[in-house]
Amino acid sequence: MAYINTGYARNTVLTVTKGSYSQPYDIRAGFTHNGKTYPSLSNDGFAQLTDADYERRRADFLAFVYSLEDGLQTDCPDMTVGSVVYDTVLCPLSQVDLNI
């Protein structure tokens, strides 16, 4: 199966900062939330997730981080903002056929 560069970049690290406190969380790291275990992923494995698998992992990852950080749900009710970036400069789609 050939993978196609769509121009969408998925951010991988969420950093919670409160005053002098700063804690990074990496969505590629393995984690468990609500009885579902997500394995750690390489950069390639993460990039190759389908949109549906990525959205499912992202939703459970954010719920996992909310469960670890008191008050974060109130401070940042929608952490999906900025999780995906469409970038035609860094990820140009100049080729029509990318089947290599």
N, C-alpha and C. Protein backbone atom coordinates (compact mmCIF):
# COMPACT_ATOMS: atom_id res chain seq x y z
N MET A 1 0.84 -1.18 0.00
CA MET A 1 0.00 0.00 0.00
C MET A 1 0.89 1.24 0.00
N ALA A 2 0.64 2.16 -0.90
CA ALA A 2 1.39 3.41 -0.96
C ALA A 2 0.73 4.44 -0.05
N TYR A 3 1.55 5.17 0.66
CA TYR A 3 1.04 6.23 1.52
C TYR A 3 1.20 7.55 0.81
N ILE A 4 0.19 8.38 0.91
CA ILE A 4 0.16 9.64 0.18
C ILE A 4 0.30 10.81 1.15
N ASN A 5 1.16 11.74 0.81
CA ASN A 5 1.34 12.96 1.59
C ASN A 5 0.12 13.85 1.35
N THR A 6 -0.68 14.04 2.38
CA THR A 6 -1.91 14.82 2.24
C THR A 6 -1.74 16.29 2.60
N GLY A 7 -0.60 16.63 3.21
CA GLY A 7 -0.39 17.99 3.66
C GLY A 7 -0.83 18.21 5.10
N TYR A 8 -1.45 17.19 5.71
CA TYR A 8 -1.87 17.31 7.09
C TYR A 8 -0.76 16.82 8.01
N ALA A 9 -0.39 17.64 8.97
CA ALA A 9 0.64 17.27 9.94
C ALA A 9 -0.05 17.07 11.30
N ARG A 10 0.23 15.95 11.93
CA ARG A 10 -0.34 15.66 13.25
C ARG A 10 0.68 16.01 14.32
N ASN A 11 0.32 16.92 15.20
CA ASN A 11 1.22 17.26 16.30
C ASN A 11 1.31 16.08 17.25
N THR A 12 2.48 15.90 17.86
CA THR A 12 2.72 14.71 18.67
C THR A 12 2.87 14.99 20.16
N VAL A 13 3.28 16.19 20.54
CA VAL A 13 3.55 16.47 21.95
C VAL A 13 2.61 17.56 22.46
N LEU A 14 1.97 17.27 23.58
CA LEU A 14 1.12 18.22 24.28
C LEU A 14 1.85 18.61 25.55
N THR A 15 2.12 19.88 25.74
CA THR A 15 2.82 20.33 26.94
C THR A 15 1.87 21.14 27.80
N VAL A 16 1.66 20.68 29.03
CA VAL A 16 0.83 21.38 30.00
C VAL A 16 1.75 22.27 30.82
N THR A 17 1.48 23.58 30.80
CA THR A 17 2.31 24.53 31.53
C THR A 17 1.43 25.35 32.46
N LYS A 18 1.79 25.36 33.73
CA LYS A 18 1.08 26.15 34.74
C LYS A 18 2.14 26.82 35.60
N GLY A 19 2.36 28.11 35.38
CA GLY A 19 3.41 28.81 36.13
C GLY A 19 4.76 28.20 35.80
N SER A 20 5.47 27.73 36.83
CA SER A 20 6.79 27.13 36.61
C SER A 20 6.69 25.63 36.32
N TYR A 21 5.49 25.07 36.40
CA TYR A 21 5.27 23.65 36.14
C TYR A 21 5.09 23.42 34.64
N SER A 22 5.79 22.45 34.11
CA SER A 22 5.66 22.12 32.70
C SER A 22 5.80 20.61 32.54
N GLN A 23 4.84 19.99 31.86
CA GLN A 23 4.86 18.54 31.69
C GLN A 23 4.48 18.20 30.24
N PRO A 24 5.41 17.60 29.49
CA PRO A 24 5.08 17.19 28.12
C PRO A 24 4.47 15.78 28.10
N TYR A 25 3.53 15.57 27.21
CA TYR A 25 2.91 14.26 26.99
C TYR A 25 3.00 13.98 25.49
N ASP A 26 3.48 12.80 25.13
CA ASP A 26 3.68 12.43 23.74
C ASP A 26 2.63 11.40 23.33
N ILE A 27 1.84 11.73 22.32
CA ILE A 27 0.76 10.85 21.89
C ILE A 27 1.29 9.55 21.28
N ARG A 28 2.57 9.53 20.87
CA ARG A 28 3.15 8.31 20.33
C ARG A 28 3.53 7.31 21.40
N ALA A 29 3.63 7.78 22.65
CA ALA A 29 3.98 6.88 23.76
C ALA A 29 2.78 5.98 24.07
N GLY A 30 3.05 4.81 24.57
CA GLY A 30 1.96 3.92 24.95
C GLY A 30 1.23 4.46 26.18
N PHE A 31 -0.08 4.22 26.24
CA PHE A 31 -0.87 4.64 27.39
C PHE A 31 -2.14 3.80 27.44
N THR A 32 -2.77 3.80 28.61
CA THR A 32 -4.03 3.08 28.80
C THR A 32 -5.05 4.04 29.34
N HIS A 33 -6.24 4.01 28.76
CA HIS A 33 -7.33 4.85 29.25
C HIS A 33 -8.65 4.13 29.03
N ASN A 34 -9.49 4.14 30.06
CA ASN A 34 -10.81 3.50 30.01
C ASN A 34 -10.74 2.04 29.54
N GLY A 35 -9.72 1.34 30.02
CA GLY A 35 -9.59 -0.07 29.70
C GLY A 35 -9.02 -0.39 28.34
N LYS A 36 -8.70 0.62 27.57
CA LYS A 36 -8.11 0.39 26.24
C LYS A 36 -6.63 0.76 26.29
N THR A 37 -5.79 -0.16 25.83
CA THR A 37 -4.35 0.07 25.82
C THR A 37 -3.90 0.41 24.41
N TYR A 38 -3.17 1.52 24.31
CA TYR A 38 -2.60 1.95 23.04
C TYR A 38 -1.10 1.70 23.09
N PRO A 39 -0.55 0.98 22.12
CA PRO A 39 0.88 0.71 22.13
C PRO A 39 1.67 1.96 21.71
N SER A 40 2.95 1.98 22.06
CA SER A 40 3.78 3.08 21.58
C SER A 40 3.96 2.91 20.07
N LEU A 41 4.16 4.02 19.39
CA LEU A 41 4.27 4.02 17.94
C LEU A 41 5.54 4.75 17.50
N SER A 42 6.14 4.27 16.44
CA SER A 42 7.23 5.00 15.80
C SER A 42 6.64 6.18 15.05
N ASN A 43 7.49 7.07 14.58
CA ASN A 43 7.00 8.19 13.77
C ASN A 43 6.25 7.69 12.55
N ASP A 44 6.80 6.66 11.89
CA ASP A 44 6.15 6.12 10.70
C ASP A 44 4.81 5.47 11.05
N GLY A 45 4.78 4.71 12.14
CA GLY A 45 3.54 4.08 12.56
C GLY A 45 2.46 5.10 12.88
N PHE A 46 2.87 6.18 13.53
CA PHE A 46 1.93 7.25 13.86
C PHE A 46 1.42 7.92 12.60
N ALA A 47 2.31 8.19 11.66
CA ALA A 47 1.92 8.85 10.41
C ALA A 47 0.98 7.98 9.58
N GLN A 48 1.08 6.66 9.73
CA GLN A 48 0.29 5.75 8.92
C GLN A 48 -1.05 5.38 9.54
N LEU A 49 -1.37 5.94 10.72
CA LEU A 49 -2.69 5.70 11.29
C LEU A 49 -3.76 6.26 10.34
N THR A 50 -4.86 5.55 10.19
CA THR A 50 -5.96 6.12 9.42
C THR A 50 -6.50 7.32 10.18
N ASP A 51 -7.25 8.15 9.52
CA ASP A 51 -7.85 9.31 10.19
C ASP A 51 -8.71 8.86 11.37
N ALA A 52 -9.50 7.81 11.17
CA ALA A 52 -10.39 7.33 12.23
C ALA A 52 -9.58 6.80 13.42
N ASP A 53 -8.50 6.04 13.15
CA ASP A 53 -7.67 5.52 14.24
C ASP A 53 -6.96 6.65 14.97
N TYR A 54 -6.50 7.65 14.21
CA TYR A 54 -5.85 8.81 14.83
C TYR A 54 -6.84 9.57 15.72
N GLU A 55 -8.03 9.82 15.23
CA GLU A 55 -9.02 10.56 16.02
C GLU A 55 -9.41 9.81 17.28
N ARG A 56 -9.51 8.48 17.20
CA ARG A 56 -9.83 7.66 18.36
C ARG A 56 -8.69 7.72 19.38
N ARG A 57 -7.45 7.57 18.89
CA ARG A 57 -6.29 7.63 19.77
C ARG A 57 -6.18 9.02 20.40
N ARG A 58 -6.39 10.07 19.60
CA ARG A 58 -6.29 11.44 20.11
C ARG A 58 -7.34 11.69 21.19
N ALA A 59 -8.57 11.25 20.98
CA ALA A 59 -9.63 11.46 21.97
C ALA A 59 -9.29 10.77 23.29
N ASP A 60 -8.83 9.52 23.23
CA ASP A 60 -8.48 8.82 24.46
C ASP A 60 -7.20 9.38 25.09
N PHE A 61 -6.27 9.85 24.26
CA PHE A 61 -5.05 10.48 24.78
C PHE A 61 -5.39 11.75 25.55
N LEU A 62 -6.25 12.59 24.97
CA LEU A 62 -6.64 13.83 25.66
C LEU A 62 -7.39 13.52 26.95
N ALA A 63 -8.27 12.53 26.94
CA ALA A 63 -8.97 12.14 28.17
C ALA A 63 -7.98 11.61 29.20
N PHE A 64 -6.97 10.89 28.75
CA PHE A 64 -5.91 10.38 29.63
C PHE A 64 -5.16 11.55 30.28
N VAL A 65 -4.78 12.55 29.49
CA VAL A 65 -4.05 13.71 30.03
C VAL A 65 -4.96 14.49 30.98
N TYR A 66 -6.24 14.68 30.62
CA TYR A 66 -7.17 15.35 31.52
C TYR A 66 -7.23 14.63 32.87
N SER A 67 -7.18 13.30 32.85
CA SER A 67 -7.27 12.54 34.10
C SER A 67 -6.04 12.71 34.97
N LEU A 68 -4.92 13.09 34.38
CA LEU A 68 -3.67 13.26 35.13
C LEU A 68 -3.46 14.68 35.64
N GLU A 69 -4.12 15.65 35.01
CA GLU A 69 -3.88 17.06 35.32
C GLU A 69 -5.15 17.71 35.88
N ASP A 70 -5.18 17.91 37.18
CA ASP A 70 -6.33 18.53 37.84
C ASP A 70 -6.60 19.93 37.27
N GLY A 71 -7.84 20.20 36.93
CA GLY A 71 -8.25 21.52 36.47
C GLY A 71 -8.03 21.78 35.00
N LEU A 72 -7.39 20.85 34.31
CA LEU A 72 -7.08 21.08 32.90
C LEU A 72 -8.34 21.13 32.05
N GLN A 73 -9.33 20.33 32.38
CA GLN A 73 -10.59 20.32 31.62
C GLN A 73 -11.23 21.71 31.62
N THR A 74 -11.13 22.42 32.74
CA THR A 74 -11.69 23.76 32.84
C THR A 74 -10.80 24.78 32.12
N ASP A 75 -9.47 24.66 32.32
CA ASP A 75 -8.53 25.60 31.72
C ASP A 75 -8.46 25.46 30.20
N CYS A 76 -8.52 24.22 29.71
CA CYS A 76 -8.39 23.95 28.27
C CYS A 76 -9.46 22.95 27.85
N PRO A 77 -10.69 23.40 27.69
CA PRO A 77 -11.78 22.46 27.41
C PRO A 77 -11.67 21.77 26.04
N ASP A 78 -10.97 22.37 25.07
CA ASP A 78 -10.85 21.74 23.76
C ASP A 78 -9.40 21.71 23.33
N MET A 79 -8.71 20.63 23.68
CA MET A 79 -7.31 20.51 23.31
C MET A 79 -7.11 19.95 21.91
N THR A 80 -8.19 19.75 21.17
CA THR A 80 -8.02 19.28 19.79
C THR A 80 -7.59 20.42 18.87
N VAL A 81 -7.78 21.67 19.31
CA VAL A 81 -7.39 22.81 18.50
C VAL A 81 -5.87 22.77 18.30
N GLY A 82 -5.45 22.80 17.06
CA GLY A 82 -4.02 22.78 16.76
C GLY A 82 -3.41 21.39 16.70
N SER A 83 -4.21 20.36 16.92
CA SER A 83 -3.64 19.01 16.90
C SER A 83 -3.33 18.54 15.49
N VAL A 84 -4.01 19.12 14.51
CA VAL A 84 -3.74 18.80 13.11
C VAL A 84 -3.56 20.13 12.38
N VAL A 85 -2.50 20.21 11.59
CA VAL A 85 -2.19 21.43 10.86
C VAL A 85 -2.11 21.10 9.38
N TYR A 86 -2.76 21.90 8.56
CA TYR A 86 -2.67 21.74 7.12
C TYR A 86 -1.60 22.68 6.62
N ASP A 87 -0.56 22.14 6.04
CA ASP A 87 0.59 22.95 5.65
C ASP A 87 1.01 22.61 4.23
N THR A 88 0.69 23.48 3.27
CA THR A 88 1.05 23.23 1.88
C THR A 88 2.47 23.68 1.57
N VAL A 89 3.10 24.41 2.50
CA VAL A 89 4.48 24.83 2.28
C VAL A 89 5.43 23.69 2.64
N LEU A 90 5.27 23.13 3.85
CA LEU A 90 6.13 22.04 4.27
C LEU A 90 5.71 20.71 3.66
N CYS A 91 4.47 20.59 3.32
CA CYS A 91 3.93 19.33 2.78
C CYS A 91 3.24 19.61 1.44
N PRO A 92 4.02 19.98 0.42
CA PRO A 92 3.39 20.32 -0.86
C PRO A 92 2.78 19.11 -1.55
N LEU A 93 1.74 19.34 -2.27
CA LEU A 93 1.07 18.29 -3.03
C LEU A 93 1.23 18.58 -4.52
N SER A 94 2.48 18.61 -4.95
CA SER A 94 2.73 18.99 -6.34
C SER A 94 2.59 17.81 -7.29
N GLN A 95 2.71 16.58 -6.79
CA GLN A 95 2.60 15.43 -7.64
C GLN A 95 1.16 14.90 -7.63
N VAL A 96 0.69 14.53 -8.79
CA VAL A 96 -0.64 13.98 -8.90
C VAL A 96 -0.64 12.51 -8.51
N ASP A 97 0.34 11.76 -8.98
CA ASP A 97 0.41 10.33 -8.71
C ASP A 97 1.61 10.04 -7.81
N LEU A 98 1.35 9.65 -6.59
CA LEU A 98 2.43 9.38 -5.65
C LEU A 98 2.64 7.88 -5.44
N ASN A 99 2.08 7.05 -6.31
CA ASN A 99 2.30 5.60 -6.20
C ASN A 99 3.70 5.28 -6.70
N ILE A 100 4.58 4.99 -5.78
CA ILE A 100 5.99 4.76 -6.11
C ILE A 100 6.29 3.28 -6.08
